[in-house]
């Protein structure tokens, strides 16, 4: 949340996600939150080196924010690479929901 983002601030992005999730729940649809295990994302030698932050990311960098208002009916997926389907139960979960 501390990053300076554009064209929308971090707070605006989170607020928009909360509004969207609330609207989806009210419509009776499925809400899935996906977050990444930053320490598990593989880095290939072919990847273009990226500038590293001036200090290591905090241990909570992969955590979902409490302000998201996650509900017990929401699905949470922790991904370990760029895609949310590989090595997660997202595909099986969506199929079980008829999606």
PDB file of N, CA and C in Angstrom:
ATOM      1  N   UNK A   1       0.821  -1.200   0.000  1.00  0.00           N
ATOM      2  CA  UNK A   1       0.000   0.000   0.000  1.00  0.00           C
ATOM      3  C   UNK A   1       0.861   1.259   0.000  1.00  0.00           C
ATOM      4  N   UNK A   2       2.124   1.125   0.336  1.00  0.00           N
ATOM      5  CA  UNK A   2       2.981   2.302   0.439  1.00  0.00           C
ATOM      6  C   UNK A   2       3.508   2.774  -0.916  1.00  0.00           C
ATOM      7  N   UNK A   3       3.330   1.952  -1.953  1.00  0.00           N
ATOM      8  CA  UNK A   3       3.856   2.339  -3.264  1.00  0.00           C
ATOM      9  C   UNK A   3       3.033   3.472  -3.858  1.00  0.00           C
ATOM     10  N   UNK A   4       3.731   4.359  -4.546  1.00  0.00           N
ATOM     11  CA  UNK A   4       3.076   5.462  -5.237  1.00  0.00           C
ATOM     12  C   UNK A   4       2.681   4.966  -6.622  1.00  0.00           C
ATOM     13  N   UNK A   5       1.398   4.717  -6.821  1.00  0.00           N
ATOM     14  CA  UNK A   5       0.911   4.149  -8.072  1.00  0.00           C
ATOM     15  C   UNK A   5       0.160   5.185  -8.887  1.00  0.00           C
ATOM     16  N   UNK A   6       0.109   4.961 -10.192  1.00  0.00           N
ATOM     17  CA  UNK A   6      -0.645   5.838 -11.086  1.00  0.00           C
ATOM     18  C   UNK A   6      -1.230   4.979 -12.196  1.00  0.00           C
ATOM     19  N   UNK A   7      -2.347   5.260 -12.732  1.00  0.00           N
ATOM     20  CA  UNK A   7      -3.123   6.490 -12.559  1.00  0.00           C
ATOM     21  C   UNK A   7      -4.012   6.484 -11.320  1.00  0.00           C
ATOM     22  N   UNK A   8      -4.082   5.361 -10.583  1.00  0.00           N
ATOM     23  CA  UNK A   8      -4.906   5.297  -9.379  1.00  0.00           C
ATOM     24  C   UNK A   8      -4.018   4.982  -8.185  1.00  0.00           C
ATOM     25  N   UNK A   9      -4.327   5.574  -7.061  1.00  0.00           N
ATOM     26  CA  UNK A   9      -3.569   5.304  -5.846  1.00  0.00           C
ATOM     27  C   UNK A   9      -3.870   3.889  -5.354  1.00  0.00           C
ATOM     28  N   UNK A  10      -3.005   3.372  -4.502  1.00  0.00           N
ATOM     29  CA  UNK A  10      -3.240   2.055  -3.902  1.00  0.00           C
ATOM     30  C   UNK A  10      -4.580   2.024  -3.191  1.00  0.00           C
ATOM     31  N   UNK A  11      -4.892   3.078  -2.473  1.00  0.00           N
ATOM     32  CA  UNK A  11      -6.168   3.137  -1.752  1.00  0.00           C
ATOM     33  C   UNK A  11      -7.348   3.081  -2.716  1.00  0.00           C
ATOM     34  N   UNK A  12      -7.266   3.781  -3.836  1.00  0.00           N
ATOM     35  CA  UNK A  12      -8.351   3.756  -4.821  1.00  0.00           C
ATOM     36  C   UNK A  12      -8.537   2.353  -5.394  1.00  0.00           C
ATOM     37  N   UNK A  13      -7.436   1.662  -5.662  1.00  0.00           N
ATOM     38  CA  UNK A  13      -7.517   0.308  -6.209  1.00  0.00           C
ATOM     39  C   UNK A  13      -8.206  -0.613  -5.203  1.00  0.00           C
ATOM     40  N   UNK A  14      -7.805  -0.537  -3.946  1.00  0.00           N
ATOM     41  CA  UNK A  14      -8.409  -1.374  -2.904  1.00  0.00           C
ATOM     42  C   UNK A  14      -9.879  -1.019  -2.727  1.00  0.00           C
ATOM     43  N   UNK A  15     -10.183   0.264  -2.676  1.00  0.00           N
ATOM     44  CA  UNK A  15     -11.585   0.687  -2.528  1.00  0.00           C
ATOM     45  C   UNK A  15     -12.437   0.165  -3.691  1.00  0.00           C
ATOM     46  N   UNK A  16     -11.910   0.216  -4.904  1.00  0.00           N
ATOM     47  CA  UNK A  16     -12.639  -0.294  -6.069  1.00  0.00           C
ATOM     48  C   UNK A  16     -12.844  -1.803  -5.968  1.00  0.00           C
ATOM     49  N   UNK A  17     -11.837  -2.530  -5.486  1.00  0.00           N
ATOM     50  CA  UNK A  17     -11.966  -3.983  -5.310  1.00  0.00           C
ATOM     51  C   UNK A  17     -13.042  -4.310  -4.281  1.00  0.00           C
ATOM     52  N   UNK A  18     -13.090  -3.552  -3.207  1.00  0.00           N
ATOM     53  CA  UNK A  18     -14.101  -3.768  -2.165  1.00  0.00           C
ATOM     54  C   UNK A  18     -15.495  -3.526  -2.739  1.00  0.00           C
ATOM     55  N   UNK A  19     -15.665  -2.437  -3.476  1.00  0.00           N
ATOM     56  CA  UNK A  19     -16.973  -2.140  -4.076  1.00  0.00           C
ATOM     57  C   UNK A  19     -17.388  -3.242  -5.046  1.00  0.00           C
ATOM     58  N   UNK A  20     -16.452  -3.698  -5.865  1.00  0.00           N
ATOM     59  CA  UNK A  20     -16.750  -4.756  -6.830  1.00  0.00           C
ATOM     60  C   UNK A  20     -17.123  -6.053  -6.118  1.00  0.00           C
ATOM     61  N   UNK A  21     -16.339  -6.445  -5.122  1.00  0.00           N
ATOM     62  CA  UNK A  21     -16.632  -7.680  -4.385  1.00  0.00           C
ATOM     63  C   UNK A  21     -17.989  -7.589  -3.694  1.00  0.00           C
ATOM     64  N   UNK A  22     -18.299  -6.453  -3.097  1.00  0.00           N
ATOM     65  CA  UNK A  22     -19.606  -6.277  -2.441  1.00  0.00           C
ATOM     66  C   UNK A  22     -20.739  -6.403  -3.448  1.00  0.00           C
ATOM     67  N   UNK A  23     -20.581  -5.802  -4.619  1.00  0.00           N
ATOM     68  CA  UNK A  23     -21.613  -5.873  -5.654  1.00  0.00           C
ATOM     69  C   UNK A  23     -21.778  -7.303  -6.164  1.00  0.00           C
ATOM     70  N   UNK A  24     -20.672  -8.017  -6.330  1.00  0.00           N
ATOM     71  CA  UNK A  24     -20.748  -9.399  -6.786  1.00  0.00           C
ATOM     72  C   UNK A  24     -21.437 -10.277  -5.743  1.00  0.00           C
ATOM     73  N   UNK A  25     -21.093 -10.106  -4.482  1.00  0.00           N
ATOM     74  CA  UNK A  25     -21.755 -10.877  -3.425  1.00  0.00           C
ATOM     75  C   UNK A  25     -23.254 -10.588  -3.397  1.00  0.00           C
ATOM     76  N   UNK A  26     -23.612  -9.317  -3.523  1.00  0.00           N
ATOM     77  CA  UNK A  26     -25.026  -8.927  -3.505  1.00  0.00           C
ATOM     78  C   UNK A  26     -25.790  -9.551  -4.671  1.00  0.00           C
ATOM     79  N   UNK A  27     -25.094  -9.788  -5.778  1.00  0.00           N
ATOM     80  CA  UNK A  27     -25.715 -10.406  -6.948  1.00  0.00           C
ATOM     81  C   UNK A  27     -25.689 -11.929  -6.861  1.00  0.00           C
ATOM     82  N   UNK A  28     -25.091 -12.461  -5.786  1.00  0.00           N
ATOM     83  CA  UNK A  28     -25.060 -13.900  -5.587  1.00  0.00           C
ATOM     84  C   UNK A  28     -23.988 -14.628  -6.373  1.00  0.00           C
ATOM     85  N   UNK A  29     -22.972 -13.913  -6.792  1.00  0.00           N
ATOM     86  CA  UNK A  29     -21.904 -14.552  -7.564  1.00  0.00           C
ATOM     87  C   UNK A  29     -20.692 -14.859  -6.698  1.00  0.00           C
ATOM     88  N   UNK A  30     -19.768 -15.567  -7.277  1.00  0.00           N
ATOM     89  CA  UNK A  30     -18.558 -16.012  -6.586  1.00  0.00           C
ATOM     90  C   UNK A  30     -17.507 -14.917  -6.569  1.00  0.00           C
ATOM     91  N   UNK A  31     -16.865 -14.731  -5.424  1.00  0.00           N
ATOM     92  CA  UNK A  31     -15.762 -13.782  -5.293  1.00  0.00           C
ATOM     93  C   UNK A  31     -14.504 -14.578  -4.975  1.00  0.00           C
ATOM     94  N   UNK A  32     -13.472 -14.364  -5.776  1.00  0.00           N
ATOM     95  CA  UNK A  32     -12.192 -15.044  -5.581  1.00  0.00           C
ATOM     96  C   UNK A  32     -11.107 -13.986  -5.422  1.00  0.00           C
ATOM     97  N   UNK A  33     -10.364 -14.093  -4.345  1.00  0.00           N
ATOM     98  CA  UNK A  33      -9.204 -13.233  -4.132  1.00  0.00           C
ATOM     99  C   UNK A  33      -7.948 -14.052  -4.394  1.00  0.00           C
ATOM    100  N   UNK A  34      -7.075 -13.529  -5.226  1.00  0.00           N
ATOM    101  CA  UNK A  34      -5.825 -14.219  -5.555  1.00  0.00           C
ATOM    102  C   UNK A  34      -4.674 -13.339  -5.088  1.00  0.00           C
ATOM    103  N   UNK A  35      -3.764 -13.959  -4.367  1.00  0.00           N
ATOM    104  CA  UNK A  35      -2.542 -13.231  -3.996  1.00  0.00           C
ATOM    105  C   UNK A  35      -1.352 -14.125  -4.277  1.00  0.00           C
ATOM    106  N   UNK A  36      -0.194 -13.528  -4.317  1.00  0.00           N
ATOM    107  CA  UNK A  36       1.004 -14.243  -4.747  1.00  0.00           C
ATOM    108  C   UNK A  36       1.972 -14.409  -3.583  1.00  0.00           C
ATOM    109  N   UNK A  37       2.574 -15.594  -3.522  1.00  0.00           N
ATOM    110  CA  UNK A  37       3.657 -15.831  -2.571  1.00  0.00           C
ATOM    111  C   UNK A  37       4.916 -15.284  -3.232  1.00  0.00           C
ATOM    112  N   UNK A  38       5.243 -14.053  -2.920  1.00  0.00           N
ATOM    113  CA  UNK A  38       6.334 -13.346  -3.597  1.00  0.00           C
ATOM    114  C   UNK A  38       7.645 -14.117  -3.528  1.00  0.00           C
ATOM    115  N   UNK A  39       7.905 -14.753  -2.407  1.00  0.00           N
ATOM    116  CA  UNK A  39       9.177 -15.473  -2.253  1.00  0.00           C
ATOM    117  C   UNK A  39       9.231 -16.749  -3.082  1.00  0.00           C
ATOM    118  N   UNK A  40       8.077 -17.239  -3.559  1.00  0.00           N
ATOM    119  CA  UNK A  40       8.043 -18.492  -4.306  1.00  0.00           C
ATOM    120  C   UNK A  40       8.048 -18.292  -5.818  1.00  0.00           C
ATOM    121  N   UNK A  41       7.872 -17.071  -6.297  1.00  0.00           N
ATOM    122  CA  UNK A  41       7.814 -16.838  -7.734  1.00  0.00           C
ATOM    123  C   UNK A  41       9.174 -17.145  -8.347  1.00  0.00           C
ATOM    124  N   UNK A  42       9.198 -18.086  -9.304  1.00  0.00           N
ATOM    125  CA  UNK A  42      10.485 -18.439  -9.909  1.00  0.00           C
ATOM    126  C   UNK A  42      11.007 -17.313 -10.801  1.00  0.00           C
ATOM    127  N   UNK A  43      12.295 -17.204 -10.848  1.00  0.00           N
ATOM    128  CA  UNK A  43      12.944 -16.222 -11.711  1.00  0.00           C
ATOM    129  C   UNK A  43      13.883 -16.972 -12.640  1.00  0.00           C
ATOM    130  N   UNK A  44      13.583 -16.904 -13.913  1.00  0.00           N
ATOM    131  CA  UNK A  44      14.380 -17.578 -14.923  1.00  0.00           C
ATOM    132  C   UNK A  44      15.612 -16.749 -15.253  1.00  0.00           C
ATOM    133  N   UNK A  45      16.721 -17.410 -15.573  1.00  0.00           N
ATOM    134  CA  UNK A  45      17.909 -16.646 -16.000  1.00  0.00           C
ATOM    135  C   UNK A  45      17.628 -15.809 -17.248  1.00  0.00           C
ATOM    136  N   UNK A  46      16.596 -16.172 -18.006  1.00  0.00           N
ATOM    137  CA  UNK A  46      16.260 -15.414 -19.211  1.00  0.00           C
ATOM    138  C   UNK A  46      15.450 -14.161 -18.899  1.00  0.00           C
ATOM    139  N   UNK A  47      14.934 -14.063 -17.675  1.00  0.00           N
ATOM    140  CA  UNK A  47      14.164 -12.875 -17.311  1.00  0.00           C
ATOM    141  C   UNK A  47      15.056 -11.650 -17.311  1.00  0.00           C
ATOM    142  N   UNK A  48      14.494 -10.564 -17.782  1.00  0.00           N
ATOM    143  CA  UNK A  48      15.230  -9.303 -17.756  1.00  0.00           C
ATOM    144  C   UNK A  48      15.374  -8.856 -16.299  1.00  0.00           C
ATOM    145  N   UNK A  49      16.588  -8.549 -15.873  1.00  0.00           N
ATOM    146  CA  UNK A  49      16.744  -8.113 -14.480  1.00  0.00           C
ATOM    147  C   UNK A  49      15.910  -6.863 -14.208  1.00  0.00           C
ATOM    148  N   UNK A  50      15.282  -6.871 -13.050  1.00  0.00           N
ATOM    149  CA  UNK A  50      14.485  -5.726 -12.643  1.00  0.00           C
ATOM    150  C   UNK A  50      15.214  -4.996 -11.528  1.00  0.00           C
ATOM    151  N   UNK A  51      14.954  -3.715 -11.465  1.00  0.00           N
ATOM    152  CA  UNK A  51      15.525  -2.948 -10.365  1.00  0.00           C
ATOM    153  C   UNK A  51      14.917  -3.447  -9.064  1.00  0.00           C
ATOM    154  N   UNK A  52      15.749  -3.714  -8.116  1.00  0.00           N
ATOM    155  CA  UNK A  52      15.293  -4.199  -6.820  1.00  0.00           C
ATOM    156  C   UNK A  52      14.912  -3.026  -5.934  1.00  0.00           C
ATOM    157  N   UNK A  53      13.915  -3.212  -5.067  1.00  0.00           N
ATOM    158  CA  UNK A  53      13.575  -2.128  -4.146  1.00  0.00           C
ATOM    159  C   UNK A  53      14.774  -1.831  -3.238  1.00  0.00           C
ATOM    160  N   UNK A  54      14.830  -0.619  -2.722  1.00  0.00           N
ATOM    161  CA  UNK A  54      15.981  -0.244  -1.896  1.00  0.00           C
ATOM    162  C   UNK A  54      16.120  -1.102  -0.639  1.00  0.00           C
ATOM    163  N   UNK A  55      15.045  -1.722  -0.218  1.00  0.00           N
ATOM    164  CA  UNK A  55      15.114  -2.616   0.941  1.00  0.00           C
ATOM    165  C   UNK A  55      14.241  -3.823   0.654  1.00  0.00           C
ATOM    166  N   UNK A  56      14.493  -4.934   1.310  1.00  0.00           N
ATOM    167  CA  UNK A  56      13.681  -6.133   1.062  1.00  0.00           C
ATOM    168  C   UNK A  56      12.211  -5.884   1.372  1.00  0.00           C
ATOM    169  N   UNK A  57      11.355  -6.609   0.675  1.00  0.00           N
ATOM    170  CA  UNK A  57       9.925  -6.502   0.949  1.00  0.00           C
ATOM    171  C   UNK A  57       9.628  -7.075   2.331  1.00  0.00           C
ATOM    172  N   UNK A  58       8.667  -6.503   3.043  1.00  0.00           N
ATOM    173  CA  UNK A  58       8.332  -7.040   4.363  1.00  0.00           C
ATOM    174  C   UNK A  58       7.714  -8.428   4.227  1.00  0.00           C
ATOM    175  N   UNK A  59       7.778  -9.211   5.271  1.00  0.00           N
ATOM    176  CA  UNK A  59       7.230 -10.557   5.265  1.00  0.00           C
ATOM    177  C   UNK A  59       5.745 -10.596   5.008  1.00  0.00           C
ATOM    178  N   UNK A  60       5.069  -9.480   5.198  1.00  0.00           N
ATOM    179  CA  UNK A  60       3.623  -9.417   4.987  1.00  0.00           C
ATOM    180  C   UNK A  60       3.256  -8.928   3.585  1.00  0.00           C
ATOM    181  N   UNK A  61       4.234  -8.773   2.699  1.00  0.00           N
ATOM    182  CA  UNK A  61       3.982  -8.202   1.367  1.00  0.00           C
ATOM    183  C   UNK A  61       2.990  -9.025   0.554  1.00  0.00           C
ATOM    184  N   UNK A  62       2.878 -10.315   0.825  1.00  0.00           N
ATOM    185  CA  UNK A  62       1.954 -11.173   0.081  1.00  0.00           C
ATOM    186  C   UNK A  62       0.579 -11.285   0.738  1.00  0.00           C
ATOM    187  N   UNK A  63       0.422 -10.721   1.909  1.00  0.00           N
ATOM    188  CA  UNK A  63      -0.839 -10.857   2.645  1.00  0.00           C
ATOM    189  C   UNK A  63      -1.960 -10.045   2.005  1.00  0.00           C
ATOM    190  N   UNK A  64      -3.167 -10.569   2.094  1.00  0.00           N
ATOM    191  CA  UNK A  64      -4.339  -9.820   1.671  1.00  0.00           C
ATOM    192  C   UNK A  64      -4.715  -8.829   2.773  1.00  0.00           C
ATOM    193  N   UNK A  65      -5.109  -7.647   2.378  1.00  0.00           N
ATOM    194  CA  UNK A  65      -5.410  -6.594   3.345  1.00  0.00           C
ATOM    195  C   UNK A  65      -6.720  -6.861   4.086  1.00  0.00           C
ATOM    196  N   UNK A  66      -6.745  -6.622   5.384  1.00  0.00           N
ATOM    197  CA  UNK A  66      -7.997  -6.752   6.136  1.00  0.00           C
ATOM    198  C   UNK A  66      -9.083  -5.825   5.607  1.00  0.00           C
ATOM    199  N   UNK A  67      -8.694  -4.681   5.039  1.00  0.00           N
ATOM    200  CA  UNK A  67      -9.674  -3.718   4.528  1.00  0.00           C
ATOM    201  C   UNK A  67     -10.411  -4.228   3.291  1.00  0.00           C
ATOM    202  N   UNK A  68     -10.009  -5.372   2.734  1.00  0.00           N
ATOM    203  CA  UNK A  68     -10.723  -5.941   1.596  1.00  0.00           C
ATOM    204  C   UNK A  68     -12.084  -6.496   2.008  1.00  0.00           C
ATOM    205  N   UNK A  69     -12.258  -6.732   3.296  1.00  0.00           N
ATOM    206  CA  UNK A  69     -13.553  -7.225   3.773  1.00  0.00           C
ATOM    207  C   UNK A  69     -13.862  -8.633   3.299  1.00  0.00           C
ATOM    208  N   UNK A  70     -12.864  -9.491   3.268  1.00  0.00           N
ATOM    209  CA  UNK A  70     -13.050 -10.864   2.801  1.00  0.00           C
ATOM    210  C   UNK A  70     -14.067 -11.571   3.685  1.00  0.00           C
ATOM    211  N   UNK A  71     -14.991 -12.262   3.040  1.00  0.00           N
ATOM    212  CA  UNK A  71     -16.075 -12.967   3.723  1.00  0.00           C
ATOM    213  C   UNK A  71     -15.809 -14.470   3.720  1.00  0.00           C
ATOM    214  N   UNK A  72     -16.411 -15.204   4.649  1.00  0.00           N
ATOM    215  CA  UNK A  72     -16.217 -16.665   4.703  1.00  0.00           C
ATOM    216  C   UNK A  72     -16.628 -17.372   3.413  1.00  0.00           C
ATOM    217  N   UNK A  73     -17.526 -16.771   2.653  1.00  0.00           N
ATOM    218  CA  UNK A  73     -17.972 -17.386   1.393  1.00  0.00           C
ATOM    219  C   UNK A  73     -17.016 -17.116   0.236  1.00  0.00           C
ATOM    220  N   UNK A  74     -16.053 -16.228   0.417  1.00  0.00           N
ATOM    221  CA  UNK A  74     -15.095 -15.910  -0.639  1.00  0.00           C
ATOM    222  C   UNK A  74     -14.031 -17.001  -0.736  1.00  0.00           C
ATOM    223  N   UNK A  75     -13.529 -17.202  -1.919  1.00  0.00           N
ATOM    224  CA  UNK A  75     -12.433 -18.154  -2.150  1.00  0.00           C
ATOM    225  C   UNK A  75     -11.130 -17.371  -2.158  1.00  0.00           C
ATOM    226  N   UNK A  76     -10.128 -17.906  -1.471  1.00  0.00           N
ATOM    227  CA  UNK A  76      -8.806 -17.288  -1.449  1.00  0.00           C
ATOM    228  C   UNK A  76      -7.828 -18.266  -2.089  1.00  0.00           C
ATOM    229  N   UNK A  77      -7.056 -17.767  -3.043  1.00  0.00           N
ATOM    230  CA  UNK A  77      -6.066 -18.584  -3.750  1.00  0.00           C
ATOM    231  C   UNK A  77      -4.696 -17.947  -3.547  1.00  0.00           C
ATOM    232  N   UNK A  78      -3.751 -18.745  -3.104  1.00  0.00           N
ATOM    233  CA  UNK A  78      -2.358 -18.303  -3.005  1.00  0.00           C
ATOM    234  C   UNK A  78      -1.617 -18.904  -4.178  1.00  0.00           C
ATOM    235  N   UNK A  79      -1.153 -18.054  -5.086  1.00  0.00           N
ATOM    236  CA  UNK A  79      -0.436 -18.557  -6.253  1.00  0.00           C
ATOM    237  C   UNK A  79       1.063 -18.457  -6.017  1.00  0.00           C
ATOM    238  N   UNK A  80       1.792 -19.302  -6.743  1.00  0.00           N
ATOM    239  CA  UNK A  80       3.236 -19.416  -6.528  1.00  0.00           C
ATOM    240  C   UNK A  80       4.027 -19.042  -7.764  1.00  0.00           C
ATOM    241  N   UNK A  81       3.347 -18.513  -8.746  1.00  0.00           N
ATOM    242  CA  UNK A  81       3.999 -18.061  -9.976  1.00  0.00           C
ATOM    243  C   UNK A  81       3.064 -17.066 -10.635  1.00  0.00           C
ATOM    244  N   UNK A  82       3.283 -16.754 -11.898  1.00  0.00           N
ATOM    245  CA  UNK A  82       2.510 -15.695 -12.543  1.00  0.00           C
ATOM    246  C   UNK A  82       1.049 -16.060 -12.768  1.00  0.00           C
ATOM    247  N   UNK A  83       0.739 -17.321 -13.014  1.00  0.00           N
ATOM    248  CA  UNK A  83      -0.632 -17.741 -13.267  1.00  0.00           C
ATOM    249  C   UNK A  83      -1.321 -18.215 -12.000  1.00  0.00           C
ATOM    250  N   UNK A  84      -2.618 -17.965 -11.904  1.00  0.00           N
ATOM    251  CA  UNK A  84      -3.377 -18.363 -10.719  1.00  0.00           C
ATOM    252  C   UNK A  84      -3.923 -19.783 -10.810  1.00  0.00           C
ATOM    253  N   UNK A  85      -3.774 -20.432 -11.977  1.00  0.00           N
ATOM    254  CA  UNK A  85      -4.318 -21.773 -12.149  1.00  0.00           C
ATOM    255  C   UNK A  85      -3.280 -22.873 -11.928  1.00  0.00           C
ATOM    256  N   UNK A  86      -2.012 -22.605 -12.214  1.00  0.00           N
ATOM    257  CA  UNK A  86      -0.985 -23.628 -12.094  1.00  0.00           C
ATOM    258  C   UNK A  86      -0.650 -23.862 -10.623  1.00  0.00           C
ATOM    259  N   UNK A  87      -0.726 -25.113 -10.217  1.00  0.00           N
ATOM    260  CA  UNK A  87      -0.347 -25.529  -8.868  1.00  0.00           C
ATOM    261  C   UNK A  87      -1.220 -24.898  -7.769  1.00  0.00           C
ATOM    262  N   UNK A  88      -2.493 -24.614  -8.122  1.00  0.00           N
ATOM    263  CA  UNK A  88      -3.472 -24.163  -7.132  1.00  0.00           C
ATOM    264  C   UNK A  88      -4.746 -24.977  -7.347  1.00  0.00           C
ATOM    265  N   UNK A  89      -5.707 -24.795  -6.470  1.00  0.00           N
ATOM    266  CA  UNK A  89      -6.977 -25.499  -6.624  1.00  0.00           C
ATOM    267  C   UNK A  89      -8.046 -24.633  -7.302  1.00  0.00           C
ATOM    268  N   UNK A  90      -7.639 -23.537  -7.934  1.00  0.00           N
ATOM    269  CA  UNK A  90      -8.605 -22.615  -8.527  1.00  0.00           C
ATOM    270  C   UNK A  90      -9.458 -23.289  -9.609  1.00  0.00           C
ATOM    271  N   UNK A  91      -8.853 -24.027 -10.501  1.00  0.00           N
ATOM    272  CA  UNK A  91      -9.601 -24.697 -11.565  1.00  0.00           C
ATOM    273  C   UNK A  91     -10.656 -25.639 -10.989  1.00  0.00           C
ATOM    274  N   UNK A  92     -10.236 -26.488 -10.072  1.00  0.00           N
ATOM    275  CA  UNK A  92     -11.168 -27.438  -9.460  1.00  0.00           C
ATOM    276  C   UNK A  92     -12.274 -26.713  -8.699  1.00  0.00           C
ATOM    277  N   UNK A  93     -11.921 -25.651  -7.996  1.00  0.00           N
ATOM    278  CA  UNK A  93     -12.924 -24.884  -7.256  1.00  0.00           C
ATOM    279  C   UNK A  93     -13.968 -24.295  -8.206  1.00  0.00           C
ATOM    280  N   UNK A  94     -13.511 -23.657  -9.266  1.00  0.00           N
ATOM    281  CA  UNK A  94     -14.452 -23.056 -10.216  1.00  0.00           C
ATOM    282  C   UNK A  94     -15.350 -24.102 -10.847  1.00  0.00           C
ATOM    283  N   UNK A  95     -14.787 -25.254 -11.211  1.00  0.00           N
ATOM    284  CA  UNK A  95     -15.596 -26.312 -11.764  1.00  0.00           C
ATOM    285  C   UNK A  95     -16.645 -26.782 -10.759  1.00  0.00           C
ATOM    286  N   UNK A  96     -16.261 -26.903  -9.496  1.00  0.00           N
ATOM    287  CA  UNK A  96     -17.205 -27.367  -8.475  1.00  0.00           C
ATOM    288  C   UNK A  96     -18.342 -26.371  -8.275  1.00  0.00           C
ATOM    289  N   UNK A  97     -18.115 -25.119  -8.650  1.00  0.00           N
ATOM    290  CA  UNK A  97     -19.140 -24.073  -8.537  1.00  0.00           C
ATOM    291  C   UNK A  97     -19.941 -23.930  -9.826  1.00  0.00           C
ATOM    292  N   UNK A  98     -19.630 -24.761 -10.816  1.00  0.00           N
ATOM    293  CA  UNK A  98     -20.322 -24.674 -12.097  1.00  0.00           C
ATOM    294  C   UNK A  98     -19.864 -23.491 -12.945  1.00  0.00           C
ATOM    295  N   UNK A  99     -18.671 -23.051 -12.700  1.00  0.00           N
ATOM    296  CA  UNK A  99     -18.123 -21.900 -13.441  1.00  0.00           C
ATOM    297  C   UNK A  99     -17.101 -22.402 -14.451  1.00  0.00           C
TER     298      UNK A  99
END
